[in-house]
Amino acid sequence: MLDTEQISCPYCWESIEILVDPSVDEQDYIEDCEVCCRPIRFLVRVEGDDVYVEALHEDD
């Protein structure tokens, strides 16, 4: 089952909802912002029931 998380785009600062797979402890992937279409690098860490998401510029 996927979880949803709210993040702010590091380019346009709009709040967007992303899907996170909590069965994978560490994730690093790029997905385009649904508002401004710029590439966001997501660093996701899952610790038990807690999900931590960092949204960065593509080259950070």
N, C-alpha and C. Protein backbone atom coordinates (compact mmCIF):
# COMPACT_ATOMS: atom_id res chain seq x y z
N MET A 1 0.84 -1.18 0.00
CA MET A 1 0.00 0.00 0.00
C MET A 1 0.89 1.25 0.00
N LEU A 2 0.49 2.24 -0.75
CA LEU A 2 1.24 3.49 -0.83
C LEU A 2 0.68 4.52 0.14
N ASP A 3 1.57 5.35 0.68
CA ASP A 3 1.17 6.45 1.55
C ASP A 3 1.22 7.75 0.75
N THR A 4 0.45 8.73 1.16
CA THR A 4 0.52 10.05 0.54
C THR A 4 1.21 11.01 1.50
N GLU A 5 2.01 11.89 0.94
CA GLU A 5 2.73 12.91 1.71
C GLU A 5 2.58 14.24 1.01
N GLN A 6 2.43 15.31 1.78
CA GLN A 6 2.38 16.67 1.25
C GLN A 6 3.78 17.26 1.30
N ILE A 7 4.23 17.84 0.19
CA ILE A 7 5.54 18.51 0.16
C ILE A 7 5.37 19.84 -0.55
N SER A 8 6.37 20.70 -0.41
CA SER A 8 6.41 21.96 -1.15
C SER A 8 7.47 21.83 -2.24
N CYS A 9 7.10 22.21 -3.44
CA CYS A 9 8.04 22.17 -4.55
C CYS A 9 9.18 23.15 -4.26
N PRO A 10 10.44 22.73 -4.42
CA PRO A 10 11.56 23.64 -4.15
C PRO A 10 11.74 24.72 -5.22
N TYR A 11 10.97 24.67 -6.29
CA TYR A 11 11.04 25.68 -7.35
C TYR A 11 9.91 26.70 -7.24
N CYS A 12 8.65 26.21 -7.26
CA CYS A 12 7.50 27.13 -7.29
C CYS A 12 6.83 27.27 -5.92
N TRP A 13 7.24 26.48 -4.95
CA TRP A 13 6.76 26.50 -3.57
C TRP A 13 5.30 26.09 -3.42
N GLU A 14 4.70 25.55 -4.46
CA GLU A 14 3.33 25.05 -4.35
C GLU A 14 3.33 23.75 -3.56
N SER A 15 2.26 23.52 -2.83
CA SER A 15 2.10 22.28 -2.07
C SER A 15 1.56 21.22 -3.02
N ILE A 16 2.26 20.07 -3.07
CA ILE A 16 1.80 18.97 -3.91
C ILE A 16 1.78 17.69 -3.09
N GLU A 17 0.98 16.74 -3.54
CA GLU A 17 0.86 15.46 -2.86
C GLU A 17 1.61 14.41 -3.67
N ILE A 18 2.44 13.61 -2.99
CA ILE A 18 3.17 12.55 -3.66
C ILE A 18 2.82 11.21 -3.01
N LEU A 19 3.06 10.14 -3.75
CA LEU A 19 2.86 8.79 -3.23
C LEU A 19 4.21 8.22 -2.82
N VAL A 20 4.25 7.58 -1.66
CA VAL A 20 5.48 7.00 -1.12
C VAL A 20 5.23 5.52 -0.81
N ASP A 21 6.16 4.67 -1.21
CA ASP A 21 6.08 3.24 -0.91
C ASP A 21 6.79 3.00 0.43
N PRO A 22 6.04 2.78 1.52
CA PRO A 22 6.67 2.62 2.84
C PRO A 22 7.38 1.28 3.03
N SER A 23 7.31 0.38 2.05
CA SER A 23 7.99 -0.91 2.18
C SER A 23 9.47 -0.82 1.82
N VAL A 24 9.91 0.34 1.29
CA VAL A 24 11.31 0.57 0.93
C VAL A 24 11.88 1.59 1.90
N ASP A 25 12.92 1.19 2.67
CA ASP A 25 13.46 2.05 3.74
C ASP A 25 14.07 3.35 3.24
N GLU A 26 14.85 3.31 2.15
CA GLU A 26 15.49 4.51 1.62
C GLU A 26 15.25 4.59 0.13
N GLN A 27 14.84 5.78 -0.33
CA GLN A 27 14.54 5.98 -1.74
C GLN A 27 15.15 7.29 -2.19
N ASP A 28 15.60 7.34 -3.43
CA ASP A 28 16.17 8.53 -4.04
C ASP A 28 15.72 8.52 -5.49
N TYR A 29 14.80 9.41 -5.84
CA TYR A 29 14.27 9.41 -7.20
C TYR A 29 13.88 10.82 -7.62
N ILE A 30 13.65 11.00 -8.91
CA ILE A 30 13.27 12.29 -9.48
C ILE A 30 11.89 12.18 -10.09
N GLU A 31 11.06 13.17 -9.79
CA GLU A 31 9.70 13.23 -10.32
C GLU A 31 9.40 14.70 -10.62
N ASP A 32 8.69 14.96 -11.70
CA ASP A 32 8.37 16.34 -12.06
C ASP A 32 7.27 16.90 -11.18
N CYS A 33 7.38 18.18 -10.87
CA CYS A 33 6.33 18.89 -10.12
C CYS A 33 5.08 18.93 -10.99
N GLU A 34 3.93 18.63 -10.42
CA GLU A 34 2.69 18.64 -11.19
C GLU A 34 2.19 20.06 -11.47
N VAL A 35 2.80 21.07 -10.83
CA VAL A 35 2.39 22.46 -11.04
C VAL A 35 3.31 23.14 -12.06
N CYS A 36 4.63 23.14 -11.80
CA CYS A 36 5.56 23.86 -12.67
C CYS A 36 6.36 22.95 -13.61
N CYS A 37 6.21 21.66 -13.46
CA CYS A 37 6.85 20.64 -14.33
C CYS A 37 8.38 20.58 -14.22
N ARG A 38 8.95 21.18 -13.20
CA ARG A 38 10.41 21.09 -13.01
C ARG A 38 10.75 19.82 -12.24
N PRO A 39 11.93 19.24 -12.48
CA PRO A 39 12.29 17.98 -11.84
C PRO A 39 12.68 18.16 -10.37
N ILE A 40 12.03 17.39 -9.50
CA ILE A 40 12.29 17.43 -8.06
C ILE A 40 12.98 16.13 -7.67
N ARG A 41 14.08 16.24 -6.92
CA ARG A 41 14.75 15.06 -6.39
C ARG A 41 14.17 14.78 -5.01
N PHE A 42 13.64 13.58 -4.83
CA PHE A 42 13.06 13.17 -3.56
C PHE A 42 13.99 12.21 -2.84
N LEU A 43 14.30 12.53 -1.60
CA LEU A 43 15.02 11.62 -0.71
C LEU A 43 14.01 11.19 0.34
N VAL A 44 13.70 9.92 0.36
CA VAL A 44 12.66 9.40 1.25
C VAL A 44 13.30 8.39 2.20
N ARG A 45 12.98 8.52 3.47
CA ARG A 45 13.47 7.59 4.49
C ARG A 45 12.28 7.14 5.31
N VAL A 46 12.17 5.82 5.51
CA VAL A 46 11.08 5.25 6.29
C VAL A 46 11.67 4.61 7.54
N GLU A 47 11.16 5.02 8.69
CA GLU A 47 11.59 4.47 9.98
C GLU A 47 10.35 4.05 10.75
N GLY A 48 10.05 2.76 10.71
CA GLY A 48 8.84 2.27 11.36
C GLY A 48 7.61 2.82 10.66
N ASP A 49 6.77 3.54 11.42
CA ASP A 49 5.58 4.16 10.84
C ASP A 49 5.83 5.58 10.37
N ASP A 50 7.04 6.10 10.58
CA ASP A 50 7.36 7.48 10.21
C ASP A 50 8.00 7.53 8.83
N VAL A 51 7.54 8.49 8.02
CA VAL A 51 8.06 8.70 6.67
C VAL A 51 8.62 10.12 6.61
N TYR A 52 9.87 10.25 6.19
CA TYR A 52 10.54 11.54 6.06
C TYR A 52 10.85 11.78 4.59
N VAL A 53 10.41 12.92 4.07
CA VAL A 53 10.60 13.25 2.66
C VAL A 53 11.34 14.58 2.56
N GLU A 54 12.41 14.57 1.78
CA GLU A 54 13.13 15.80 1.47
C GLU A 54 12.95 16.07 -0.01
N ALA A 55 12.51 17.26 -0.37
CA ALA A 55 12.32 17.65 -1.76
C ALA A 55 13.39 18.67 -2.12
N LEU A 56 14.24 18.31 -3.09
CA LEU A 56 15.38 19.13 -3.45
C LEU A 56 15.37 19.48 -4.93
N HIS A 57 16.18 20.48 -5.29
CA HIS A 57 16.40 20.75 -6.70
C HIS A 57 17.05 19.52 -7.32
N GLU A 58 16.88 19.32 -8.60
CA GLU A 58 17.37 18.12 -9.27
C GLU A 58 18.87 17.89 -9.06
N ASP A 59 19.67 18.95 -9.04
CA ASP A 59 21.13 18.80 -8.95
C ASP A 59 21.67 18.94 -7.53
N ASP A 60 20.81 18.95 -6.53
CA ASP A 60 21.28 19.01 -5.12
C ASP A 60 21.65 17.64 -4.61
